[in-house]
Amino acid sequence: MADKTQKSQFSDRSLQKLQRPGINVLVGTFLSPFILGFLLFMYARTVAVPRAWFLLVINLIGMFGQIAFVAARNPDLVNHRGLWKKKKDTKSWDKIIVPGWGVLPYMTFIVIGLDIRFDGANLGLWSAVVGTALFVFSVAVLTSAMLVNKHFETTVRIQTDRNHKVITTGPYKYIRHPGYVGASLWALSAPLIVGSVYGLIPASMAVLLLIIRTVLEDRTLQRELTGYSEYARQVHYRLIPGLW
């Protein structure tokens, strides 16, 4: 009995450390702005784009800083986010949506690069201000959601292996899917910061994909997660308070 208790305590402690899957998440988040920047400048055929450099710098600081902060507070969550390919109970429709969402940011940066090359990405300074505000707000929303929601995994599934429960604190007091709000604002912020009208096309496609995912996930949770239907009756809005 003592041996089993000791093993259980060891297992609990090990979950509180960042493991290889979590480290992979950190490394991937760190490298992502460099890859996106390479694509943008390759298709733009110039690196003399101050607003593009600003975009890449704040993405590196904001997104990597955000996941590093969450990893320090909740390494178990980051470990599980790195295991998404091994989750056999991921919903079948989400196995299509997740890769689509993964590709669209790269498409956005490629289109931004092409817009710089051929059209100049000529939205005024106002768009950089709006885009930066959206980016900052997106990081704040994503961070607050991940800090209170230990079930904030990469794919949609009912996490019976992790005692899946409804989260009602933090931003979940106001909307049911704050993570998708943060991700949507992040997607829209990039073309606005650089001033690319055409970059808003793939960014809007990414937002549309997240809206579809919101609908499908919300239906799944109401159907399969104990207590979620009651929560949905209390918190009426999925993404936008007062609207939807």
C-alpha atoms as a PDB file:
ATOM      1  CA  MET A   1       0.000   0.000   0.000  1.00  0.00           C
ATOM      2  CA  ALA A   2       2.798   2.367   0.925  1.00  0.00           C
ATOM      3  CA  ASP A   3       4.577   1.504  -2.315  1.00  0.00           C
ATOM      4  CA  LYS A   4       1.455   2.361  -4.391  1.00  0.00           C
ATOM      5  CA  THR A   5       1.037   5.653  -2.550  1.00  0.00           C
ATOM      6  CA  GLN A   6       4.667   6.508  -3.147  1.00  0.00           C
ATOM      7  CA  LYS A   7       4.359   5.741  -6.871  1.00  0.00           C
ATOM      8  CA  SER A   8       1.198   7.866  -7.101  1.00  0.00           C
ATOM      9  CA  GLN A   9       2.919  10.804  -5.417  1.00  0.00           C
ATOM     10  CA  PHE A  10       5.883  10.458  -7.756  1.00  0.00           C
ATOM     11  CA  SER A  11       3.525  10.464 -10.754  1.00  0.00           C
ATOM     12  CA  ASP A  12       1.758  13.593  -9.491  1.00  0.00           C
ATOM     13  CA  ARG A  13       5.086  15.376  -9.031  1.00  0.00           C
ATOM     14  CA  SER A  14       6.267  14.390 -12.495  1.00  0.00           C
ATOM     15  CA  LEU A  15       3.200  16.027 -14.036  1.00  0.00           C
ATOM     16  CA  GLN A  16       4.289  19.310 -12.517  1.00  0.00           C
ATOM     17  CA  LYS A  17       7.466  19.346 -14.589  1.00  0.00           C
ATOM     18  CA  LEU A  18       7.819  20.373 -18.205  1.00  0.00           C
ATOM     19  CA  GLN A  19       8.425  17.215 -20.202  1.00  0.00           C
ATOM     20  CA  ARG A  20       9.493  16.603 -23.804  1.00  0.00           C
ATOM     21  CA  PRO A  21       6.014  17.318 -25.322  1.00  0.00           C
ATOM     22  CA  GLY A  22       5.844  20.607 -23.429  1.00  0.00           C
ATOM     23  CA  ILE A  23       9.381  21.535 -24.431  1.00  0.00           C
ATOM     24  CA  ASN A  24       8.406  20.827 -28.048  1.00  0.00           C
ATOM     25  CA  VAL A  25       5.537  23.297 -27.676  1.00  0.00           C
ATOM     26  CA  LEU A  26       7.911  25.955 -26.344  1.00  0.00           C
ATOM     27  CA  VAL A  27      10.456  25.354 -29.109  1.00  0.00           C
ATOM     28  CA  GLY A  28       7.757  25.385 -31.807  1.00  0.00           C
ATOM     29  CA  THR A  29       6.283  28.631 -30.471  1.00  0.00           C
ATOM     30  CA  PHE A  30       9.743  30.215 -30.370  1.00  0.00           C
ATOM     31  CA  LEU A  31      10.612  29.158 -33.922  1.00  0.00           C
ATOM     32  CA  SER A  32       7.229  30.035 -35.433  1.00  0.00           C
ATOM     33  CA  PRO A  33       7.859  33.804 -35.877  1.00  0.00           C
ATOM     34  CA  PHE A  34      11.155  33.060 -37.633  1.00  0.00           C
ATOM     35  CA  ILE A  35       9.459  30.669 -40.067  1.00  0.00           C
ATOM     36  CA  LEU A  36       6.597  33.091 -40.678  1.00  0.00           C
ATOM     37  CA  GLY A  37       9.064  35.931 -41.169  1.00  0.00           C
ATOM     38  CA  PHE A  38      11.099  33.895 -43.648  1.00  0.00           C
ATOM     39  CA  LEU A  39       7.964  33.225 -45.719  1.00  0.00           C
ATOM     40  CA  LEU A  40       6.847  36.857 -45.576  1.00  0.00           C
ATOM     41  CA  PHE A  41      10.193  38.295 -46.676  1.00  0.00           C
ATOM     42  CA  MET A  42      10.778  35.567 -49.274  1.00  0.00           C
ATOM     43  CA  TYR A  43       7.531  36.389 -51.051  1.00  0.00           C
ATOM     44  CA  ALA A  44       7.935  40.135 -50.523  1.00  0.00           C
ATOM     45  CA  ARG A  45      11.457  39.945 -52.004  1.00  0.00           C
ATOM     46  CA  THR A  46      12.588  42.640 -49.609  1.00  0.00           C
ATOM     47  CA  VAL A  47      13.364  42.921 -45.905  1.00  0.00           C
ATOM     48  CA  ALA A  48      12.972  46.707 -45.879  1.00  0.00           C
ATOM     49  CA  VAL A  49       9.522  46.580 -44.287  1.00  0.00           C
ATOM     50  CA  PRO A  50       9.609  48.135 -40.795  1.00  0.00           C
ATOM     51  CA  ARG A  51       6.016  47.181 -39.991  1.00  0.00           C
ATOM     52  CA  ALA A  52       6.722  43.531 -40.868  1.00  0.00           C
ATOM     53  CA  TRP A  53       9.729  43.519 -38.528  1.00  0.00           C
ATOM     54  CA  PHE A  54       7.577  45.033 -35.804  1.00  0.00           C
ATOM     55  CA  LEU A  55       4.983  42.292 -36.363  1.00  0.00           C
ATOM     56  CA  LEU A  56       7.576  39.536 -36.029  1.00  0.00           C
ATOM     57  CA  VAL A  57       9.163  41.041 -32.912  1.00  0.00           C
ATOM     58  CA  ILE A  58       5.890  41.405 -31.019  1.00  0.00           C
ATOM     59  CA  ASN A  59       4.854  37.908 -32.095  1.00  0.00           C
ATOM     60  CA  LEU A  60       8.084  36.484 -30.718  1.00  0.00           C
ATOM     61  CA  ILE A  61       7.796  38.410 -27.468  1.00  0.00           C
ATOM     62  CA  GLY A  62       4.047  38.043 -27.043  1.00  0.00           C
ATOM     63  CA  MET A  63       3.356  34.471 -28.133  1.00  0.00           C
ATOM     64  CA  PHE A  64       6.521  32.865 -26.780  1.00  0.00           C
ATOM     65  CA  GLY A  65       6.289  34.922 -23.594  1.00  0.00           C
ATOM     66  CA  GLN A  66       2.684  33.842 -23.182  1.00  0.00           C
ATOM     67  CA  ILE A  67       3.317  30.106 -23.523  1.00  0.00           C
ATOM     68  CA  ALA A  68       6.465  30.318 -21.369  1.00  0.00           C
ATOM     69  CA  PHE A  69       4.468  32.057 -18.637  1.00  0.00           C
ATOM     70  CA  VAL A  70       1.727  29.411 -18.800  1.00  0.00           C
ATOM     71  CA  ALA A  71       4.360  26.638 -18.783  1.00  0.00           C
ATOM     72  CA  ALA A  72       5.834  28.075 -15.597  1.00  0.00           C
ATOM     73  CA  ARG A  73       2.414  28.173 -13.934  1.00  0.00           C
ATOM     74  CA  ASN A  74       0.884  24.994 -15.383  1.00  0.00           C
ATOM     75  CA  PRO A  75       3.468  22.731 -17.073  1.00  0.00           C
ATOM     76  CA  ASP A  76       0.985  19.828 -17.119  1.00  0.00           C
ATOM     77  CA  LEU A  77      -1.275  21.730 -19.534  1.00  0.00           C
ATOM     78  CA  VAL A  78       1.601  22.563 -21.883  1.00  0.00           C
ATOM     79  CA  ASN A  79       2.747  18.919 -21.762  1.00  0.00           C
ATOM     80  CA  HIS A  80      -0.726  17.774 -22.826  1.00  0.00           C
ATOM     81  CA  ARG A  81      -0.901  20.376 -25.595  1.00  0.00           C
ATOM     82  CA  GLY A  82       2.232  18.809 -27.017  1.00  0.00           C
ATOM     83  CA  LEU A  83       0.609  15.373 -27.074  1.00  0.00           C
ATOM     84  CA  TRP A  84      -2.320  16.314 -29.336  1.00  0.00           C
ATOM     85  CA  LYS A  85      -1.341  13.890 -32.119  1.00  0.00           C
ATOM     86  CA  LYS A  86      -1.572  10.981 -29.660  1.00  0.00           C
ATOM     87  CA  LYS A  87      -5.076  11.788 -28.426  1.00  0.00           C
ATOM     88  CA  LYS A  88      -7.125   8.962 -29.924  1.00  0.00           C
ATOM     89  CA  ASP A  89     -10.457  10.347 -28.712  1.00  0.00           C
ATOM     90  CA  THR A  90     -10.166  13.644 -30.615  1.00  0.00           C
ATOM     91  CA  LYS A  91     -13.419  14.316 -32.462  1.00  0.00           C
ATOM     92  CA  SER A  92     -13.244  13.215 -36.098  1.00  0.00           C
ATOM     93  CA  TRP A  93     -14.247  16.643 -37.433  1.00  0.00           C
ATOM     94  CA  ASP A  94     -11.510  18.304 -35.396  1.00  0.00           C
ATOM     95  CA  LYS A  95      -8.885  16.120 -37.056  1.00  0.00           C
ATOM     96  CA  ILE A  96      -9.731  18.086 -40.206  1.00  0.00           C
ATOM     97  CA  ILE A  97     -10.072  21.519 -38.600  1.00  0.00           C
ATOM     98  CA  VAL A  98      -6.806  21.495 -36.629  1.00  0.00           C
ATOM     99  CA  PRO A  99      -4.530  20.997 -39.684  1.00  0.00           C
ATOM    100  CA  GLY A 100      -6.548  23.623 -41.566  1.00  0.00           C
ATOM    101  CA  TRP A 101      -6.044  26.107 -38.755  1.00  0.00           C
ATOM    102  CA  GLY A 102      -2.354  25.216 -38.699  1.00  0.00           C
ATOM    103  CA  VAL A 103      -1.901  26.025 -42.397  1.00  0.00           C
ATOM    104  CA  LEU A 104      -3.831  29.313 -42.553  1.00  0.00           C
ATOM    105  CA  PRO A 105      -1.339  31.472 -40.588  1.00  0.00           C
ATOM    106  CA  TYR A 106       1.382  30.491 -43.068  1.00  0.00           C
ATOM    107  CA  MET A 107      -0.956  31.358 -45.941  1.00  0.00           C
ATOM    108  CA  THR A 108      -1.643  34.714 -44.294  1.00  0.00           C
ATOM    109  CA  PHE A 109       2.036  35.610 -44.069  1.00  0.00           C
ATOM    110  CA  ILE A 110       2.661  34.474 -47.652  1.00  0.00           C
ATOM    111  CA  VAL A 111      -0.194  36.669 -48.897  1.00  0.00           C
ATOM    112  CA  ILE A 112       1.097  39.589 -46.810  1.00  0.00           C
ATOM    113  CA  GLY A 113       4.473  39.134 -48.482  1.00  0.00           C
ATOM    114  CA  LEU A 114       2.894  39.100 -51.942  1.00  0.00           C
ATOM    115  CA  ASP A 115       0.843  42.174 -51.075  1.00  0.00           C
ATOM    116  CA  ILE A 116       4.023  44.010 -50.074  1.00  0.00           C
ATOM    117  CA  ARG A 117       5.678  42.940 -53.322  1.00  0.00           C
ATOM    118  CA  PHE A 118       2.905  43.867 -55.745  1.00  0.00           C
ATOM    119  CA  ASP A 119       0.626  46.365 -54.020  1.00  0.00           C
ATOM    120  CA  GLY A 120       2.744  47.851 -51.272  1.00  0.00           C
ATOM    121  CA  ALA A 121       0.479  46.756 -48.381  1.00  0.00           C
ATOM    122  CA  ASN A 122      -0.619  50.356 -48.197  1.00  0.00           C
ATOM    123  CA  LEU A 123      -3.160  50.604 -45.400  1.00  0.00           C
ATOM    124  CA  GLY A 124      -2.421  53.662 -43.270  1.00  0.00           C
ATOM    125  CA  LEU A 125      -0.795  53.843 -39.866  1.00  0.00           C
ATOM    126  CA  TRP A 126      -4.206  53.526 -38.264  1.00  0.00           C
ATOM    127  CA  SER A 127      -4.278  49.831 -39.213  1.00  0.00           C
ATOM    128  CA  ALA A 128      -0.975  49.226 -37.393  1.00  0.00           C
ATOM    129  CA  VAL A 129      -2.411  50.816 -34.265  1.00  0.00           C
ATOM    130  CA  VAL A 130      -5.612  48.747 -34.494  1.00  0.00           C
ATOM    131  CA  GLY A 131      -3.671  45.577 -35.279  1.00  0.00           C
ATOM    132  CA  THR A 132      -1.309  46.068 -32.345  1.00  0.00           C
ATOM    133  CA  ALA A 133      -4.242  46.628 -29.989  1.00  0.00           C
ATOM    134  CA  LEU A 134      -5.898  43.436 -31.257  1.00  0.00           C
ATOM    135  CA  PHE A 135      -2.650  41.514 -30.794  1.00  0.00           C
ATOM    136  CA  VAL A 136      -2.125  42.703 -27.220  1.00  0.00           C
ATOM    137  CA  PHE A 137      -5.737  41.917 -26.342  1.00  0.00           C
ATOM    138  CA  SER A 138      -5.476  38.477 -27.982  1.00  0.00           C
ATOM    139  CA  VAL A 139      -2.434  37.573 -25.875  1.00  0.00           C
ATOM    140  CA  ALA A 140      -4.186  38.758 -22.719  1.00  0.00           C
ATOM    141  CA  VAL A 141      -7.324  36.726 -23.464  1.00  0.00           C
ATOM    142  CA  LEU A 142      -5.409  33.571 -24.407  1.00  0.00           C
ATOM    143  CA  THR A 143      -3.187  33.794 -21.332  1.00  0.00           C
ATOM    144  CA  SER A 144      -6.072  34.337 -18.920  1.00  0.00           C
ATOM    145  CA  ALA A 145      -8.040  31.454 -20.474  1.00  0.00           C
ATOM    146  CA  MET A 146      -5.106  29.031 -20.303  1.00  0.00           C
ATOM    147  CA  LEU A 147      -4.296  29.955 -16.709  1.00  0.00           C
ATOM    148  CA  VAL A 148      -7.760  29.065 -15.416  1.00  0.00           C
ATOM    149  CA  ASN A 149      -8.587  26.193 -17.777  1.00  0.00           C
ATOM    150  CA  LYS A 150      -6.432  23.114 -17.168  1.00  0.00           C
ATOM    151  CA  HIS A 151      -8.324  21.414 -20.031  1.00  0.00           C
ATOM    152  CA  PHE A 152      -7.164  23.951 -22.653  1.00  0.00           C
ATOM    153  CA  GLU A 153      -5.770  21.303 -24.993  1.00  0.00           C
ATOM    154  CA  THR A 154      -5.018  21.560 -28.697  1.00  0.00           C
ATOM    155  CA  THR A 155      -7.837  19.330 -29.931  1.00  0.00           C
ATOM    156  CA  VAL A 156     -11.502  18.900 -29.039  1.00  0.00           C
ATOM    157  CA  ARG A 157     -12.243  15.830 -26.940  1.00  0.00           C
ATOM    158  CA  ILE A 158     -13.950  14.938 -23.683  1.00  0.00           C
ATOM    159  CA  GLN A 159     -10.978  14.538 -21.376  1.00  0.00           C
ATOM    160  CA  THR A 160     -12.177  11.654 -19.229  1.00  0.00           C
ATOM    161  CA  ASP A 161      -8.533  10.802 -18.476  1.00  0.00           C
ATOM    162  CA  ARG A 162      -8.089  14.249 -16.892  1.00  0.00           C
ATOM    163  CA  ASN A 163     -11.357  14.555 -14.917  1.00  0.00           C
ATOM    164  CA  HIS A 164     -12.838  16.997 -17.427  1.00  0.00           C
ATOM    165  CA  LYS A 165     -14.943  19.679 -15.718  1.00  0.00           C
ATOM    166  CA  VAL A 166     -16.701  22.871 -16.751  1.00  0.00           C
ATOM    167  CA  ILE A 167     -14.611  26.012 -16.163  1.00  0.00           C
ATOM    168  CA  THR A 168     -16.551  29.048 -14.946  1.00  0.00           C
ATOM    169  CA  THR A 169     -13.811  31.411 -13.755  1.00  0.00           C
ATOM    170  CA  GLY A 170     -11.695  34.055 -15.482  1.00  0.00           C
ATOM    171  CA  PRO A 171     -12.936  34.996 -18.962  1.00  0.00           C
ATOM    172  CA  TYR A 172     -15.266  31.967 -18.896  1.00  0.00           C
ATOM    173  CA  LYS A 173     -17.538  34.006 -16.636  1.00  0.00           C
ATOM    174  CA  TYR A 174     -18.422  36.150 -19.657  1.00  0.00           C
ATOM    175  CA  ILE A 175     -18.086  33.963 -22.771  1.00  0.00           C
ATOM    176  CA  ARG A 176     -17.920  30.217 -23.289  1.00  0.00           C
ATOM    177  CA  HIS A 177     -14.970  30.085 -25.724  1.00  0.00           C
ATOM    178  CA  PRO A 178     -12.479  32.884 -24.935  1.00  0.00           C
ATOM    179  CA  GLY A 179      -9.607  30.928 -26.482  1.00  0.00           C
ATOM    180  CA  TYR A 180     -11.187  31.255 -29.912  1.00  0.00           C
ATOM    181  CA  VAL A 181     -11.658  34.973 -29.383  1.00  0.00           C
ATOM    182  CA  GLY A 182      -7.951  35.317 -28.654  1.00  0.00           C
ATOM    183  CA  ALA A 183      -6.944  33.176 -31.644  1.00  0.00           C
ATOM    184  CA  SER A 184      -9.269  35.092 -33.986  1.00  0.00           C
ATOM    185  CA  LEU A 185      -7.911  38.466 -32.930  1.00  0.00           C
ATOM    186  CA  TRP A 186      -4.356  37.183 -33.342  1.00  0.00           C
ATOM    187  CA  ALA A 187      -5.139  36.021 -36.889  1.00  0.00           C
ATOM    188  CA  LEU A 188      -6.584  39.416 -37.847  1.00  0.00           C
ATOM    189  CA  SER A 189      -3.828  41.423 -36.169  1.00  0.00           C
ATOM    190  CA  ALA A 190      -1.006  40.362 -38.525  1.00  0.00           C
ATOM    191  CA  PRO A 191      -2.297  41.846 -41.817  1.00  0.00           C
ATOM    192  CA  LEU A 192      -3.506  44.956 -40.016  1.00  0.00           C
ATOM    193  CA  ILE A 193      -0.135  45.604 -38.403  1.00  0.00           C
ATOM    194  CA  VAL A 194       1.645  45.363 -41.757  1.00  0.00           C
ATOM    195  CA  GLY A 195      -1.181  47.164 -43.580  1.00  0.00           C
ATOM    196  CA  SER A 196      -2.125  44.357 -45.961  1.00  0.00           C
ATOM    197  CA  VAL A 197      -5.670  44.312 -47.310  1.00  0.00           C
ATOM    198  CA  TYR A 198      -5.174  41.016 -49.132  1.00  0.00           C
ATOM    199  CA  GLY A 199      -3.700  39.419 -46.016  1.00  0.00           C
ATOM    200  CA  LEU A 200      -7.102  39.869 -44.392  1.00  0.00           C
ATOM    201  CA  ILE A 201      -8.546  37.240 -46.779  1.00  0.00           C
ATOM    202  CA  PRO A 202      -6.764  34.147 -45.371  1.00  0.00           C
ATOM    203  CA  ALA A 203      -6.950  35.690 -41.890  1.00  0.00           C
ATOM    204  CA  SER A 204     -10.734  35.944 -42.239  1.00  0.00           C
ATOM    205  CA  MET A 205     -10.820  32.340 -43.454  1.00  0.00           C
ATOM    206  CA  ALA A 206      -9.032  31.370 -40.232  1.00  0.00           C
ATOM    207  CA  VAL A 207     -11.633  33.246 -38.173  1.00  0.00           C
ATOM    208  CA  LEU A 208     -14.458  31.549 -40.089  1.00  0.00           C
ATOM    209  CA  LEU A 209     -12.876  28.161 -39.384  1.00  0.00           C
ATOM    210  CA  LEU A 210     -12.739  28.991 -35.681  1.00  0.00           C
ATOM    211  CA  ILE A 211     -16.400  30.028 -35.707  1.00  0.00           C
ATOM    212  CA  ILE A 212     -17.305  26.652 -37.244  1.00  0.00           C
ATOM    213  CA  ARG A 213     -15.180  24.929 -34.620  1.00  0.00           C
ATOM    214  CA  THR A 214     -16.899  26.925 -31.874  1.00  0.00           C
ATOM    215  CA  VAL A 215     -20.315  25.693 -33.029  1.00  0.00           C
ATOM    216  CA  LEU A 216     -19.184  22.062 -33.253  1.00  0.00           C
ATOM    217  CA  GLU A 217     -17.332  22.111 -29.936  1.00  0.00           C
ATOM    218  CA  ASP A 218     -20.179  23.818 -28.111  1.00  0.00           C
ATOM    219  CA  ARG A 219     -22.632  21.179 -29.353  1.00  0.00           C
ATOM    220  CA  THR A 220     -20.243  18.420 -28.294  1.00  0.00           C
ATOM    221  CA  LEU A 221     -19.788  19.848 -24.814  1.00  0.00           C
ATOM    222  CA  GLN A 222     -23.515  20.362 -24.278  1.00  0.00           C
ATOM    223  CA  ARG A 223     -24.146  16.790 -25.341  1.00  0.00           C
ATOM    224  CA  GLU A 224     -21.281  15.013 -23.599  1.00  0.00           C
ATOM    225  CA  LEU A 225     -19.792  17.069 -20.745  1.00  0.00           C
ATOM    226  CA  THR A 226     -21.640  16.929 -17.434  1.00  0.00           C
ATOM    227  CA  GLY A 227     -22.760  20.371 -16.279  1.00  0.00           C
ATOM    228  CA  TYR A 228     -21.999  22.209 -19.519  1.00  0.00           C
ATOM    229  CA  SER A 229     -25.657  22.640 -20.553  1.00  0.00           C
ATOM    230  CA  GLU A 230     -26.377  24.319 -17.213  1.00  0.00           C
ATOM    231  CA  TYR A 231     -23.318  26.529 -17.676  1.00  0.00           C
ATOM    232  CA  ALA A 232     -24.491  27.477 -21.187  1.00  0.00           C
ATOM    233  CA  ARG A 233     -27.821  28.600 -19.772  1.00  0.00           C
ATOM    234  CA  GLN A 234     -25.983  30.928 -17.381  1.00  0.00           C
ATOM    235  CA  VAL A 235     -23.318  32.200 -19.805  1.00  0.00           C
ATOM    236  CA  HIS A 236     -25.340  32.881 -22.944  1.00  0.00           C
ATOM    237  CA  TYR A 237     -22.638  34.007 -25.374  1.00  0.00           C
ATOM    238  CA  ARG A 238     -20.098  31.845 -27.157  1.00  0.00           C
ATOM    239  CA  LEU A 239     -17.658  34.491 -28.458  1.00  0.00           C
ATOM    240  CA  ILE A 240     -19.047  38.035 -28.333  1.00  0.00           C
ATOM    241  CA  PRO A 241     -20.896  39.294 -25.232  1.00  0.00           C
ATOM    242  CA  GLY A 242     -24.304  40.648 -26.159  1.00  0.00           C
ATOM    243  CA  LEU A 243     -24.155  39.312 -29.719  1.00  0.00           C
ATOM    244  CA  TRP A 244     -23.327  35.599 -30.118  1.00  0.00           C
END
